[in-house]
Structures are given as structure tokens and as C-alpha cells.
């Protein structure tokens, strides 16, 4: 049903950025198992590979979404934040397409070379086991947190890296020092989840 609305919108406003962006998000979600709920977001959180559809229909949705993203990247213009977010969407599609893991890892490293603190890309790298310059990302993320310019996503990226490195005290201190970034009701659960993990 959702695709029916998107198709109607495309018939009337096919060139509109918002319509194309919504279509892209729907195609990504259509490439996932029905067990994965649809949650609109600025950029897609990684899911485990077992929840990605490997059948022809699911993979076709992902391929179509990738085509749309490549068009959107050409339309992003001077909005650097939008451009960066679209790159995470592109990485998500590549990561979920069969036999594209190496291409996804290469693409992730290209993005991180430009911006080693890209939280969305770091999240996908950690979730899918991609190799990347971890020390460079740590350095960039620490600079953001120390200068109080970090958003909650960057804080959680650094926390995740610390936990993988078994630096639980560092993760816990980082969360406690930046708790104000999680004051919104929808973010308190995330803070509590990661803080609990840092105490295990």
C-alpha cells in the first residue's frame, strides 16, 4: 500500500526531491525481512545481515534504491549535511546487496577519509565488520566531544568503539559527561542501554 502512494506521488511530482527520497527509503525497507519495522530516520541504522532479504524481489528493491540514491546525490547541491546523510543511505544499500561487501567497505573508507567522524558510516562498519582507520575516527570523535560540538550520534559511535576495545570505563565516562545530549525522552532509553553495557 505504501508503494501505491509513492507511485501516485511519482506520477505527479516525480522529480521532487522529497518524493524520490521517500521512495528510496521504502525500497531499502522492502529489502528487509517483514520482522523489521519501518522507522523513518535521517540515516538508516544498521541491521544484522540475517534480516536482509536475499530473494530476487528483495535484492531488486535494494538495487532500485541504490539507483535512486545516485540520482539524489547529484541533486544534493550545497547542503553538505544532506549530502553526508545520503552517503550513509548509499552505504546501507551496498551493504545489503549480495556480493557487494568489498565495494561497501571501500566506499565506507572513502567517506571516512573525508570525514572520519561520520557516525552513520562508523555504525555500519562496526555492524558489518568492515576494516577502517579506527584510530583516525577515535581522534576525530574525541575532538568533537572535547570541543562540545558532538551530537548524540557521534557520542554513541565513540562509545561503541570503546566497548569493542573493552574500554568500558572510557565508554561510561563519555556517556556520563555527555548525558545532556540525551535529555529528549526518545533518547533516554539509548543512554540507559549503552550505559548499562558499559557496566557489564
Protein backbone atom coordinates (compact mmCIF):
# COMPACT_ATOMS: atom_id res chain seq x y z
CA UNK A 1 0.00 0.00 0.00
CA UNK A 2 2.81 2.41 0.84
CA UNK A 3 4.33 1.85 -2.59
CA UNK A 4 0.98 2.69 -4.17
CA UNK A 5 1.07 6.14 -2.59
CA UNK A 6 4.68 6.61 -3.65
CA UNK A 7 3.84 5.62 -7.22
CA UNK A 8 0.97 8.14 -7.30
CA UNK A 9 3.28 10.85 -5.97
CA UNK A 10 5.89 9.98 -8.57
CA UNK A 11 3.33 10.31 -11.36
CA UNK A 12 2.53 13.87 -10.28
CA UNK A 13 5.75 15.04 -8.62
CA UNK A 14 8.33 12.51 -9.77
CA UNK A 15 11.20 14.97 -9.88
CA UNK A 16 10.60 16.29 -6.37
CA UNK A 17 13.49 15.50 -4.05
CA UNK A 18 11.21 14.55 -1.15
CA UNK A 19 9.29 12.06 -3.28
CA UNK A 20 12.47 10.40 -4.54
CA UNK A 21 13.94 10.30 -1.03
CA UNK A 22 10.80 8.64 0.36
CA UNK A 23 10.84 6.11 -2.46
CA UNK A 24 14.47 5.29 -1.73
CA UNK A 25 13.71 4.67 1.96
CA UNK A 26 10.79 2.42 1.06
CA UNK A 27 12.93 0.34 -1.28
CA UNK A 28 15.54 -0.16 1.43
CA UNK A 29 12.91 -1.31 3.89
CA UNK A 30 11.37 -3.60 1.24
CA UNK A 31 14.75 -5.32 1.08
CA UNK A 32 14.42 -6.30 4.74
CA UNK A 33 12.57 -9.13 6.43
CA UNK A 34 8.98 -8.40 7.46
CA UNK A 35 10.22 -8.73 11.05
CA UNK A 36 12.00 -5.36 10.69
CA UNK A 37 9.68 -2.44 11.42
CA UNK A 38 9.85 0.68 9.25
CA UNK A 39 11.25 3.69 11.10
CA UNK A 40 11.82 6.89 9.09
CA UNK A 41 15.13 8.46 10.02
CA UNK A 42 17.82 10.85 8.85
CA UNK A 43 20.03 7.89 8.01
CA UNK A 44 19.49 4.14 8.38
CA UNK A 45 20.64 2.27 11.42
CA UNK A 46 22.38 -1.00 10.58
CA UNK A 47 20.54 -4.28 10.94
CA UNK A 48 22.06 -7.73 11.16
CA UNK A 49 22.62 -9.38 7.78
CA UNK A 50 20.25 -12.24 8.64
CA UNK A 51 17.31 -9.83 8.38
CA UNK A 52 18.17 -8.81 4.80
CA UNK A 53 16.11 -10.46 2.06
CA UNK A 54 18.27 -12.47 -0.32
CA UNK A 55 15.48 -13.42 -2.72
CA UNK A 56 15.29 -11.79 -6.16
CA UNK A 57 12.47 -9.43 -5.14
CA UNK A 58 14.23 -8.12 -2.05
CA UNK A 59 17.52 -7.62 -3.86
CA UNK A 60 15.71 -5.84 -6.71
CA UNK A 61 14.31 -3.33 -4.23
CA UNK A 62 17.80 -2.65 -2.89
CA UNK A 63 19.20 -2.22 -6.40
CA UNK A 64 16.42 0.21 -7.27
CA UNK A 65 17.02 2.17 -4.08
CA UNK A 66 20.70 2.43 -4.95
CA UNK A 67 19.85 3.85 -8.37
CA UNK A 68 17.63 6.49 -6.76
CA UNK A 69 20.36 7.47 -4.28
CA UNK A 70 22.88 8.02 -7.05
CA UNK A 71 20.42 10.43 -8.65
CA UNK A 72 19.76 12.18 -5.33
CA UNK A 73 23.48 12.64 -4.68
CA UNK A 74 23.69 14.63 -7.92
CA UNK A 75 20.82 16.84 -6.72
CA UNK A 76 22.04 17.42 -3.16
CA UNK A 77 23.56 20.77 -4.10
CA UNK A 78 25.34 22.76 -1.40
CA UNK A 79 23.65 21.07 1.55
CA UNK A 80 26.66 19.26 2.98
CA UNK A 81 24.72 17.58 5.78
CA UNK A 82 22.16 16.19 3.35
CA UNK A 83 24.98 15.02 1.09
CA UNK A 84 26.68 13.23 4.01
CA UNK A 85 23.42 11.58 5.08
CA UNK A 86 22.77 10.33 1.55
CA UNK A 87 26.18 8.68 1.55
CA UNK A 88 25.13 6.66 4.60
CA UNK A 89 21.97 5.59 2.77
CA UNK A 90 24.11 4.54 -0.18
CA UNK A 91 26.39 2.54 2.09
CA UNK A 92 23.36 0.82 3.63
CA UNK A 93 22.11 -0.31 0.23
CA UNK A 94 25.55 -1.54 -0.82
CA UNK A 95 25.99 -3.37 2.48
CA UNK A 96 22.71 -5.23 1.98
CA UNK A 97 23.21 -6.21 -1.65
CA UNK A 98 24.67 -9.68 -2.14
CA UNK A 99 28.31 -9.80 -3.26
CA UNK A 100 28.82 -6.08 -2.62
CA UNK A 101 30.60 -6.26 0.76
CA UNK A 102 34.01 -5.34 -0.63
CA UNK A 103 32.54 -2.43 -2.59
CA UNK A 104 30.70 -1.29 0.54
CA UNK A 105 33.86 -1.45 2.65
CA UNK A 106 35.80 0.52 0.03
CA UNK A 107 33.04 3.13 -0.15
CA UNK A 108 32.90 3.43 3.64
CA UNK A 109 36.62 4.11 3.78
CA UNK A 110 36.32 6.76 1.06
CA UNK A 111 33.73 8.58 3.16
CA UNK A 112 35.71 8.24 6.38
CA UNK A 113 38.82 9.58 4.68
CA UNK A 114 36.89 12.83 4.13
CA UNK A 115 35.11 12.75 7.47
CA UNK A 116 36.46 10.18 9.96
CA UNK A 117 33.75 11.15 12.47
CA UNK A 118 30.82 10.18 10.24
CA UNK A 119 28.68 8.39 12.82
CA UNK A 120 26.41 6.62 10.35
CA UNK A 121 29.29 5.15 8.38
CA UNK A 122 31.09 4.08 11.55
CA UNK A 123 27.93 2.33 12.74
CA UNK A 124 27.68 0.31 9.52
CA UNK A 125 31.41 -0.51 9.61
CA UNK A 126 31.16 -1.83 13.16
CA UNK A 127 27.95 -3.77 12.46
CA UNK A 128 29.24 -5.46 9.31
CA UNK A 129 32.86 -5.90 10.36
CA UNK A 130 34.39 -3.58 7.76
CA UNK A 131 38.01 -2.60 8.20
CA UNK A 132 38.60 1.12 8.63
CA UNK A 133 41.08 3.51 10.23
CA UNK A 134 39.69 3.19 13.75
CA UNK A 135 42.37 5.39 15.35
CA UNK A 136 41.59 8.24 12.96
CA UNK A 137 37.89 8.01 13.78
CA UNK A 138 38.62 7.92 17.52
CA UNK A 139 40.78 11.02 17.19
CA UNK A 140 38.11 12.91 15.25
CA UNK A 141 35.32 11.85 17.60
CA UNK A 142 37.32 12.76 20.71
CA UNK A 143 37.97 16.21 19.27
CA UNK A 144 34.25 16.69 18.70
CA UNK A 145 33.30 15.61 22.21
CA UNK A 146 36.02 17.65 23.89
CA UNK A 147 35.02 20.77 21.97
CA UNK A 148 31.36 20.11 22.88
CA UNK A 149 30.43 20.05 19.19
CA UNK A 150 29.39 16.41 19.13
CA UNK A 151 25.80 15.25 18.63
CA UNK A 152 24.48 12.17 20.40
CA UNK A 153 25.24 10.04 17.32
CA UNK A 154 28.96 10.85 17.49
CA UNK A 155 28.98 10.10 21.22
CA UNK A 156 27.39 6.69 20.65
CA UNK A 157 29.84 5.93 17.83
CA UNK A 158 32.78 6.54 20.14
CA UNK A 159 31.10 4.58 22.93
CA UNK A 160 30.61 1.62 20.57
CA UNK A 161 34.27 1.71 19.55
CA UNK A 162 35.40 1.89 23.18
CA UNK A 163 33.25 -1.11 24.10
CA UNK A 164 34.63 -3.16 21.22
CA UNK A 165 38.11 -2.28 22.51
CA UNK A 166 36.99 -3.31 26.03
CA UNK A 167 37.47 0.26 27.26
CA UNK A 168 34.36 0.19 29.42
CA UNK A 169 35.48 2.92 31.78
CA UNK A 170 36.11 5.25 28.84
CA UNK A 171 32.66 4.48 27.40
CA UNK A 172 30.98 5.03 30.75
CA UNK A 173 32.76 8.34 31.39
CA UNK A 174 31.92 9.55 27.88
CA UNK A 175 28.23 8.81 28.38
CA UNK A 176 28.10 10.42 31.82
CA UNK A 177 29.93 13.54 30.61
CA UNK A 178 27.54 13.94 27.68
CA UNK A 179 24.26 12.93 29.29
CA UNK A 180 22.69 16.32 28.43
CA UNK A 181 22.70 15.28 24.76
CA UNK A 182 20.22 12.55 25.65
CA UNK A 183 17.70 14.71 27.51
CA UNK A 184 14.95 14.17 24.93
CA UNK A 185 12.55 11.42 26.05
CA UNK A 186 13.16 9.30 22.93
CA UNK A 187 16.93 9.29 23.61
CA UNK A 188 16.94 8.42 27.31
CA UNK A 189 16.47 4.74 26.57
CA UNK A 190 19.52 4.76 24.29
CA UNK A 191 21.65 6.36 27.01
CA UNK A 192 20.49 3.82 29.59
CA UNK A 193 21.08 0.91 27.18
CA UNK A 194 24.67 1.89 26.38
CA UNK A 195 25.45 2.94 29.94
CA UNK A 196 24.30 -0.48 31.16
CA UNK A 197 26.54 -2.17 28.58
CA UNK A 198 29.47 -0.14 29.88
CA UNK A 199 28.97 -1.57 33.36
CA UNK A 200 28.93 -5.26 32.39
